[in-house]
């Protein structure tokens, strides 16, 4: 089942990339949902995202703001990868 979630996560990210630039950035929601699925099911993705957020404060702030708009389950997952954790 974890493999299924990983595949869906990658698919959401790939679908979200071209839609990110539309007037209504639906792609941002798809990308965040895909990242949340990957982070929830892959320790490699979780550590990768944590390192990126620690290295790039602007990305970290953007992810923190987006947590407010995510479903609570996804927000908790993203919150665990924050630069302030660990």
PDB file of N, CA and C in Angstrom:
ATOM      1  N   UNK A   1       0.819  -1.193   0.000  1.00  0.00           N
ATOM      2  CA  UNK A   1       0.000   0.000   0.000  1.00  0.00           C
ATOM      3  C   UNK A   1       0.861   1.255   0.000  1.00  0.00           C
ATOM      4  N   UNK A   2       2.016   1.185   0.671  1.00  0.00           N
ATOM      5  CA  UNK A   2       2.903   2.346   0.703  1.00  0.00           C
ATOM      6  C   UNK A   2       3.401   2.684  -0.701  1.00  0.00           C
ATOM      7  N   UNK A   3       3.652   1.662  -1.509  1.00  0.00           N
ATOM      8  CA  UNK A   3       4.091   1.899  -2.880  1.00  0.00           C
ATOM      9  C   UNK A   3       3.009   2.636  -3.673  1.00  0.00           C
ATOM     10  N   UNK A   4       1.757   2.264  -3.460  1.00  0.00           N
ATOM     11  CA  UNK A   4       0.645   2.944  -4.123  1.00  0.00           C
ATOM     12  C   UNK A   4       0.623   4.423  -3.751  1.00  0.00           C
ATOM     13  N   UNK A   5       0.779   4.727  -2.453  1.00  0.00           N
ATOM     14  CA  UNK A   5       0.780   6.126  -2.007  1.00  0.00           C
ATOM     15  C   UNK A   5       1.964   6.897  -2.574  1.00  0.00           C
ATOM     16  N   UNK A   6       3.100   6.243  -2.676  1.00  0.00           N
ATOM     17  CA  UNK A   6       4.267   6.901  -3.270  1.00  0.00           C
ATOM     18  C   UNK A   6       4.023   7.231  -4.737  1.00  0.00           C
ATOM     19  N   UNK A   7       3.435   6.299  -5.464  1.00  0.00           N
ATOM     20  CA  UNK A   7       3.130   6.537  -6.875  1.00  0.00           C
ATOM     21  C   UNK A   7       2.103   7.659  -7.040  1.00  0.00           C
ATOM     22  N   UNK A   8       1.085   7.667  -6.201  1.00  0.00           N
ATOM     23  CA  UNK A   8       0.088   8.738  -6.263  1.00  0.00           C
ATOM     24  C   UNK A   8       0.736  10.077  -5.917  1.00  0.00           C
ATOM     25  N   UNK A   9       1.642  10.094  -4.950  1.00  0.00           N
ATOM     26  CA  UNK A   9       2.355  11.318  -4.592  1.00  0.00           C
ATOM     27  C   UNK A   9       3.168  11.873  -5.749  1.00  0.00           C
ATOM     28  N   UNK A  10       3.896  11.002  -6.418  1.00  0.00           N
ATOM     29  CA  UNK A  10       4.686  11.431  -7.573  1.00  0.00           C
ATOM     30  C   UNK A  10       3.763  11.930  -8.690  1.00  0.00           C
ATOM     31  N   UNK A  11       2.667  11.242  -8.905  1.00  0.00           N
ATOM     32  CA  UNK A  11       1.707  11.657  -9.934  1.00  0.00           C
ATOM     33  C   UNK A  11       1.115  13.033  -9.615  1.00  0.00           C
ATOM     34  N   UNK A  12       0.765  13.271  -8.363  1.00  0.00           N
ATOM     35  CA  UNK A  12       0.235  14.583  -7.985  1.00  0.00           C
ATOM     36  C   UNK A  12       1.257  15.696  -8.209  1.00  0.00           C
ATOM     37  N   UNK A  13       2.502  15.427  -7.888  1.00  0.00           N
ATOM     38  CA  UNK A  13       3.555  16.430  -8.108  1.00  0.00           C
ATOM     39  C   UNK A  13       3.705  16.711  -9.597  1.00  0.00           C
ATOM     40  N   UNK A  14       3.745  15.658 -10.400  1.00  0.00           N
ATOM     41  CA  UNK A  14       3.896  15.848 -11.844  1.00  0.00           C
ATOM     42  C   UNK A  14       2.702  16.574 -12.460  1.00  0.00           C
ATOM     43  N   UNK A  15       1.506  16.298 -11.977  1.00  0.00           N
ATOM     44  CA  UNK A  15       0.325  17.012 -12.467  1.00  0.00           C
ATOM     45  C   UNK A  15       0.299  18.462 -11.984  1.00  0.00           C
ATOM     46  N   UNK A  16       0.835  18.695 -10.804  1.00  0.00           N
ATOM     47  CA  UNK A  16       0.808  20.033 -10.231  1.00  0.00           C
ATOM     48  C   UNK A  16       1.808  20.999 -10.840  1.00  0.00           C
ATOM     49  N   UNK A  17       2.906  20.483 -11.372  1.00  0.00           N
ATOM     50  CA  UNK A  17       3.936  21.372 -11.924  1.00  0.00           C
ATOM     51  C   UNK A  17       3.418  22.266 -13.049  1.00  0.00           C
ATOM     52  N   UNK A  18       2.769  21.741 -14.087  1.00  0.00           N
ATOM     53  CA  UNK A  18       2.277  22.652 -15.129  1.00  0.00           C
ATOM     54  C   UNK A  18       1.094  23.501 -14.672  1.00  0.00           C
ATOM     55  N   UNK A  19       0.322  23.015 -13.709  1.00  0.00           N
ATOM     56  CA  UNK A  19      -0.838  23.765 -13.230  1.00  0.00           C
ATOM     57  C   UNK A  19      -0.471  24.851 -12.227  1.00  0.00           C
ATOM     58  N   UNK A  20       0.772  24.838 -11.770  1.00  0.00           N
ATOM     59  CA  UNK A  20       1.222  25.833 -10.791  1.00  0.00           C
ATOM     60  C   UNK A  20       1.169  27.237 -11.374  1.00  0.00           C
ATOM     61  N   UNK A  21       1.348  27.368 -12.662  1.00  0.00           N
ATOM     62  CA  UNK A  21       1.451  28.681 -13.302  1.00  0.00           C
ATOM     63  C   UNK A  21       0.123  29.206 -13.836  1.00  0.00           C
ATOM     64  N   UNK A  22      -0.961  28.506 -13.581  1.00  0.00           N
ATOM     65  CA  UNK A  22      -2.272  28.975 -14.021  1.00  0.00           C
ATOM     66  C   UNK A  22      -2.727  30.126 -13.128  1.00  0.00           C
ATOM     67  N   UNK A  23      -3.709  30.923 -13.579  1.00  0.00           N
ATOM     68  CA  UNK A  23      -4.176  32.051 -12.760  1.00  0.00           C
ATOM     69  C   UNK A  23      -4.638  31.632 -11.361  1.00  0.00           C
ATOM     70  N   UNK A  24      -5.278  30.500 -11.248  1.00  0.00           N
ATOM     71  CA  UNK A  24      -5.621  29.949  -9.935  1.00  0.00           C
ATOM     72  C   UNK A  24      -4.624  28.817  -9.688  1.00  0.00           C
ATOM     73  N   UNK A  25      -3.689  29.003  -8.771  1.00  0.00           N
ATOM     74  CA  UNK A  25      -2.598  28.024  -8.630  1.00  0.00           C
ATOM     75  C   UNK A  25      -3.038  26.710  -7.993  1.00  0.00           C
ATOM     76  N   UNK A  26      -3.846  25.964  -8.712  1.00  0.00           N
ATOM     77  CA  UNK A  26      -4.289  24.651  -8.251  1.00  0.00           C
ATOM     78  C   UNK A  26      -3.085  23.719  -8.126  1.00  0.00           C
ATOM     79  N   UNK A  27      -2.082  23.972  -8.930  1.00  0.00           N
ATOM     80  CA  UNK A  27      -0.889  23.137  -8.900  1.00  0.00           C
ATOM     81  C   UNK A  27      -0.205  23.139  -7.552  1.00  0.00           C
ATOM     82  N   UNK A  28      -0.265  24.263  -6.842  1.00  0.00           N
ATOM     83  CA  UNK A  28       0.374  24.332  -5.524  1.00  0.00           C
ATOM     84  C   UNK A  28      -0.272  23.331  -4.567  1.00  0.00           C
ATOM     85  N   UNK A  29      -1.580  23.225  -4.624  1.00  0.00           N
ATOM     86  CA  UNK A  29      -2.283  22.266  -3.764  1.00  0.00           C
ATOM     87  C   UNK A  29      -1.926  20.839  -4.153  1.00  0.00           C
ATOM     88  N   UNK A  30      -1.862  20.573  -5.455  1.00  0.00           N
ATOM     89  CA  UNK A  30      -1.497  19.227  -5.905  1.00  0.00           C
ATOM     90  C   UNK A  30      -0.067  18.876  -5.504  1.00  0.00           C
ATOM     91  N   UNK A  31       0.843  19.830  -5.672  1.00  0.00           N
ATOM     92  CA  UNK A  31       2.243  19.588  -5.313  1.00  0.00           C
ATOM     93  C   UNK A  31       2.369  19.321  -3.819  1.00  0.00           C
ATOM     94  N   UNK A  32       1.713  20.133  -3.008  1.00  0.00           N
ATOM     95  CA  UNK A  32       1.792  19.935  -1.559  1.00  0.00           C
ATOM     96  C   UNK A  32       1.171  18.608  -1.133  1.00  0.00           C
ATOM     97  N   UNK A  33       0.080  18.252  -1.766  1.00  0.00           N
ATOM     98  CA  UNK A  33      -0.520  16.955  -1.460  1.00  0.00           C
ATOM     99  C   UNK A  33       0.389  15.803  -1.842  1.00  0.00           C
ATOM    100  N   UNK A  34       1.047  15.913  -2.993  1.00  0.00           N
ATOM    101  CA  UNK A  34       1.984  14.883  -3.421  1.00  0.00           C
ATOM    102  C   UNK A  34       3.188  14.780  -2.506  1.00  0.00           C
ATOM    103  N   UNK A  35       3.704  15.928  -2.111  1.00  0.00           N
ATOM    104  CA  UNK A  35       4.840  15.933  -1.176  1.00  0.00           C
ATOM    105  C   UNK A  35       4.425  15.322   0.153  1.00  0.00           C
ATOM    106  N   UNK A  36       3.235  15.654   0.614  1.00  0.00           N
ATOM    107  CA  UNK A  36       2.766  15.095   1.886  1.00  0.00           C
ATOM    108  C   UNK A  36       2.640  13.578   1.810  1.00  0.00           C
ATOM    109  N   UNK A  37       2.121  13.068   0.699  1.00  0.00           N
ATOM    110  CA  UNK A  37       2.021  11.615   0.555  1.00  0.00           C
ATOM    111  C   UNK A  37       3.395  10.957   0.523  1.00  0.00           C
ATOM    112  N   UNK A  38       4.319  11.567  -0.202  1.00  0.00           N
ATOM    113  CA  UNK A  38       5.671  11.003  -0.258  1.00  0.00           C
ATOM    114  C   UNK A  38       6.349  11.048   1.105  1.00  0.00           C
ATOM    115  N   UNK A  39       6.227  12.165   1.784  1.00  0.00           N
ATOM    116  CA  UNK A  39       6.878  12.320   3.086  1.00  0.00           C
ATOM    117  C   UNK A  39       6.274  11.355   4.111  1.00  0.00           C
ATOM    118  N   UNK A  40       4.978  11.130   4.015  1.00  0.00           N
ATOM    119  CA  UNK A  40       4.323  10.225   4.960  1.00  0.00           C
ATOM    120  C   UNK A  40       4.750   8.779   4.765  1.00  0.00           C
ATOM    121  N   UNK A  41       5.164   8.418   3.564  1.00  0.00           N
ATOM    122  CA  UNK A  41       5.432   7.013   3.265  1.00  0.00           C
ATOM    123  C   UNK A  41       6.879   6.707   2.935  1.00  0.00           C
ATOM    124  N   UNK A  42       7.761   7.671   3.020  1.00  0.00           N
ATOM    125  CA  UNK A  42       9.157   7.443   2.652  1.00  0.00           C
ATOM    126  C   UNK A  42      10.086   8.193   3.601  1.00  0.00           C
ATOM    127  N   UNK A  43      10.932   7.453   4.281  1.00  0.00           N
ATOM    128  CA  UNK A  43      11.890   8.112   5.173  1.00  0.00           C
ATOM    129  C   UNK A  43      12.920   8.910   4.375  1.00  0.00           C
ATOM    130  N   UNK A  44      13.234   8.455   3.183  1.00  0.00           N
ATOM    131  CA  UNK A  44      14.177   9.189   2.328  1.00  0.00           C
ATOM    132  C   UNK A  44      13.596  10.546   1.947  1.00  0.00           C
ATOM    133  N   UNK A  45      12.351  10.569   1.535  1.00  0.00           N
ATOM    134  CA  UNK A  45      11.705  11.835   1.174  1.00  0.00           C
ATOM    135  C   UNK A  45      11.583  12.740   2.394  1.00  0.00           C
ATOM    136  N   UNK A  46      11.296  12.165   3.549  1.00  0.00           N
ATOM    137  CA  UNK A  46      11.166  12.954   4.778  1.00  0.00           C
ATOM    138  C   UNK A  46      12.482  13.636   5.139  1.00  0.00           C
ATOM    139  N   UNK A  47      13.572  12.901   5.090  1.00  0.00           N
ATOM    140  CA  UNK A  47      14.869  13.505   5.427  1.00  0.00           C
ATOM    141  C   UNK A  47      15.302  14.497   4.357  1.00  0.00           C
ATOM    142  N   UNK A  48      14.988  14.218   3.087  1.00  0.00           N
ATOM    143  CA  UNK A  48      15.322  15.151   2.008  1.00  0.00           C
ATOM    144  C   UNK A  48      14.598  16.482   2.210  1.00  0.00           C
ATOM    145  N   UNK A  49      13.294  16.412   2.512  1.00  0.00           N
ATOM    146  CA  UNK A  49      12.520  17.633   2.712  1.00  0.00           C
ATOM    147  C   UNK A  49      12.995  18.396   3.941  1.00  0.00           C
ATOM    148  N   UNK A  50      13.330  17.682   4.989  1.00  0.00           N
ATOM    149  CA  UNK A  50      13.838  18.345   6.193  1.00  0.00           C
ATOM    150  C   UNK A  50      15.127  19.111   5.893  1.00  0.00           C
ATOM    151  N   UNK A  51      16.034  18.493   5.151  1.00  0.00           N
ATOM    152  CA  UNK A  51      17.288  19.179   4.806  1.00  0.00           C
ATOM    153  C   UNK A  51      17.023  20.410   3.947  1.00  0.00           C
ATOM    154  N   UNK A  52      16.100  20.317   2.981  1.00  0.00           N
ATOM    155  CA  UNK A  52      15.777  21.467   2.122  1.00  0.00           C
ATOM    156  C   UNK A  52      15.184  22.603   2.936  1.00  0.00           C
ATOM    157  N   UNK A  53      14.288  22.261   3.856  1.00  0.00           N
ATOM    158  CA  UNK A  53      13.661  23.306   4.668  1.00  0.00           C
ATOM    159  C   UNK A  53      14.671  23.949   5.604  1.00  0.00           C
ATOM    160  N   UNK A  54      15.629  23.181   6.106  1.00  0.00           N
ATOM    161  CA  UNK A  54      16.653  23.752   6.981  1.00  0.00           C
ATOM    162  C   UNK A  54      17.602  24.655   6.199  1.00  0.00           C
ATOM    163  N   UNK A  55      17.873  24.303   4.962  1.00  0.00           N
ATOM    164  CA  UNK A  55      18.817  25.060   4.145  1.00  0.00           C
ATOM    165  C   UNK A  55      18.189  26.293   3.502  1.00  0.00           C
ATOM    166  N   UNK A  56      16.888  26.261   3.265  1.00  0.00           N
ATOM    167  CA  UNK A  56      16.205  27.344   2.557  1.00  0.00           C
ATOM    168  C   UNK A  56      15.077  27.913   3.421  1.00  0.00           C
ATOM    169  N   UNK A  57      15.353  28.964   4.169  1.00  0.00           N
ATOM    170  CA  UNK A  57      14.347  29.535   5.073  1.00  0.00           C
ATOM    171  C   UNK A  57      13.085  30.012   4.350  1.00  0.00           C
ATOM    172  N   UNK A  58      13.229  30.489   3.132  1.00  0.00           N
ATOM    173  CA  UNK A  58      12.055  30.948   2.386  1.00  0.00           C
ATOM    174  C   UNK A  58      11.116  29.790   2.075  1.00  0.00           C
ATOM    175  N   UNK A  59      11.661  28.652   1.681  1.00  0.00           N
ATOM    176  CA  UNK A  59      10.863  27.452   1.447  1.00  0.00           C
ATOM    177  C   UNK A  59      10.192  27.025   2.747  1.00  0.00           C
ATOM    178  N   UNK A  60      10.928  27.092   3.845  1.00  0.00           N
ATOM    179  CA  UNK A  60      10.377  26.700   5.134  1.00  0.00           C
ATOM    180  C   UNK A  60       9.191  27.585   5.506  1.00  0.00           C
ATOM    181  N   UNK A  61       9.321  28.885   5.306  1.00  0.00           N
ATOM    182  CA  UNK A  61       8.213  29.806   5.611  1.00  0.00           C
ATOM    183  C   UNK A  61       7.009  29.503   4.726  1.00  0.00           C
ATOM    184  N   UNK A  62       7.247  29.231   3.444  1.00  0.00           N
ATOM    185  CA  UNK A  62       6.165  28.934   2.513  1.00  0.00           C
ATOM    186  C   UNK A  62       5.443  27.650   2.927  1.00  0.00           C
ATOM    187  N   UNK A  63       6.214  26.652   3.336  1.00  0.00           N
ATOM    188  CA  UNK A  63       5.614  25.392   3.763  1.00  0.00           C
ATOM    189  C   UNK A  63       4.820  25.585   5.057  1.00  0.00           C
ATOM    190  N   UNK A  64       5.330  26.404   5.981  1.00  0.00           N
ATOM    191  CA  UNK A  64       4.606  26.670   7.223  1.00  0.00           C
ATOM    192  C   UNK A  64       3.278  27.368   6.939  1.00  0.00           C
ATOM    193  N   UNK A  65       3.284  28.316   6.014  1.00  0.00           N
ATOM    194  CA  UNK A  65       2.040  29.008   5.661  1.00  0.00           C
ATOM    195  C   UNK A  65       1.059  28.049   5.004  1.00  0.00           C
ATOM    196  N   UNK A  66       1.561  27.159   4.165  1.00  0.00           N
ATOM    197  CA  UNK A  66       0.672  26.236   3.450  1.00  0.00           C
ATOM    198  C   UNK A  66       0.066  25.201   4.386  1.00  0.00           C
ATOM    199  N   UNK A  67       0.712  24.927   5.521  1.00  0.00           N
ATOM    200  CA  UNK A  67       0.174  23.958   6.471  1.00  0.00           C
ATOM    201  C   UNK A  67      -1.202  24.385   6.971  1.00  0.00           C
ATOM    202  N   UNK A  68      -1.458  25.691   7.017  1.00  0.00           N
ATOM    203  CA  UNK A  68      -2.747  26.198   7.495  1.00  0.00           C
ATOM    204  C   UNK A  68      -3.891  25.792   6.575  1.00  0.00           C
ATOM    205  N   UNK A  69      -3.599  25.602   5.305  1.00  0.00           N
ATOM    206  CA  UNK A  69      -4.632  25.323   4.314  1.00  0.00           C
ATOM    207  C   UNK A  69      -4.738  23.846   3.950  1.00  0.00           C
ATOM    208  N   UNK A  70      -3.836  23.058   4.475  1.00  0.00           N
ATOM    209  CA  UNK A  70      -3.844  21.622   4.187  1.00  0.00           C
ATOM    210  C   UNK A  70      -4.818  20.911   5.126  1.00  0.00           C
ATOM    211  N   UNK A  71      -5.308  19.758   4.726  1.00  0.00           N
ATOM    212  CA  UNK A  71      -6.078  18.943   5.672  1.00  0.00           C
ATOM    213  C   UNK A  71      -5.196  18.615   6.881  1.00  0.00           C
ATOM    214  N   UNK A  72      -5.781  18.496   8.057  1.00  0.00           N
ATOM    215  CA  UNK A  72      -4.975  18.300   9.273  1.00  0.00           C
ATOM    216  C   UNK A  72      -3.980  17.142   9.200  1.00  0.00           C
ATOM    217  N   UNK A  73      -4.349  16.050   8.575  1.00  0.00           N
ATOM    218  CA  UNK A  73      -3.423  14.913   8.493  1.00  0.00           C
ATOM    219  C   UNK A  73      -2.178  15.278   7.693  1.00  0.00           C
ATOM    220  N   UNK A  74      -2.348  15.973   6.571  1.00  0.00           N
ATOM    221  CA  UNK A  74      -1.202  16.386   5.767  1.00  0.00           C
ATOM    222  C   UNK A  74      -0.405  17.479   6.467  1.00  0.00           C
ATOM    223  N   UNK A  75      -1.088  18.369   7.160  1.00  0.00           N
ATOM    224  CA  UNK A  75      -0.393  19.450   7.867  1.00  0.00           C
ATOM    225  C   UNK A  75       0.535  18.883   8.944  1.00  0.00           C
ATOM    226  N   UNK A  76       0.080  17.858   9.653  1.00  0.00           N
ATOM    227  CA  UNK A  76       0.935  17.234  10.673  1.00  0.00           C
ATOM    228  C   UNK A  76       2.171  16.612  10.044  1.00  0.00           C
ATOM    229  N   UNK A  77       1.993  15.975   8.910  1.00  0.00           N
ATOM    230  CA  UNK A  77       3.116  15.338   8.221  1.00  0.00           C
ATOM    231  C   UNK A  77       4.142  16.391   7.812  1.00  0.00           C
ATOM    232  N   UNK A  78       3.679  17.477   7.197  1.00  0.00           N
ATOM    233  CA  UNK A  78       4.597  18.531   6.768  1.00  0.00           C
ATOM    234  C   UNK A  78       5.238  19.217   7.959  1.00  0.00           C
ATOM    235  N   UNK A  79       4.491  19.366   9.042  1.00  0.00           N
ATOM    236  CA  UNK A  79       5.038  20.034  10.223  1.00  0.00           C
ATOM    237  C   UNK A  79       6.219  19.249  10.805  1.00  0.00           C
ATOM    238  N   UNK A  80       6.164  17.929  10.712  1.00  0.00           N
ATOM    239  CA  UNK A  80       7.261  17.098  11.235  1.00  0.00           C
ATOM    240  C   UNK A  80       8.569  17.282  10.481  1.00  0.00           C
ATOM    241  N   UNK A  81       8.515  17.823   9.258  1.00  0.00           N
ATOM    242  CA  UNK A  81       9.737  18.011   8.480  1.00  0.00           C
ATOM    243  C   UNK A  81      10.281  19.424   8.587  1.00  0.00           C
ATOM    244  N   UNK A  82       9.692  20.241   9.451  1.00  0.00           N
ATOM    245  CA  UNK A  82      10.092  21.644   9.547  1.00  0.00           C
ATOM    246  C   UNK A  82      11.543  21.807   9.962  1.00  0.00           C
ATOM    247  N   UNK A  83      12.104  22.941   9.603  1.00  0.00           N
ATOM    248  CA  UNK A  83      13.502  23.226   9.914  1.00  0.00           C
ATOM    249  C   UNK A  83      13.715  23.353  11.414  1.00  0.00           C
ATOM    250  N   UNK A  84      12.678  23.678  12.156  1.00  0.00           N
ATOM    251  CA  UNK A  84      12.795  23.850  13.593  1.00  0.00           C
ATOM    252  C   UNK A  84      12.796  22.530  14.348  1.00  0.00           C
ATOM    253  N   UNK A  85      12.397  21.453  13.700  1.00  0.00           N
ATOM    254  CA  UNK A  85      12.343  20.130  14.352  1.00  0.00           C
ATOM    255  C   UNK A  85      13.705  19.460  14.308  1.00  0.00           C
ATOM    256  N   UNK A  86      13.838  18.429  15.122  1.00  0.00           N
ATOM    257  CA  UNK A  86      15.028  17.580  15.263  1.00  0.00           C
ATOM    258  C   UNK A  86      16.013  18.201  16.119  1.00  0.00           C
TER     259      UNK A  86
END
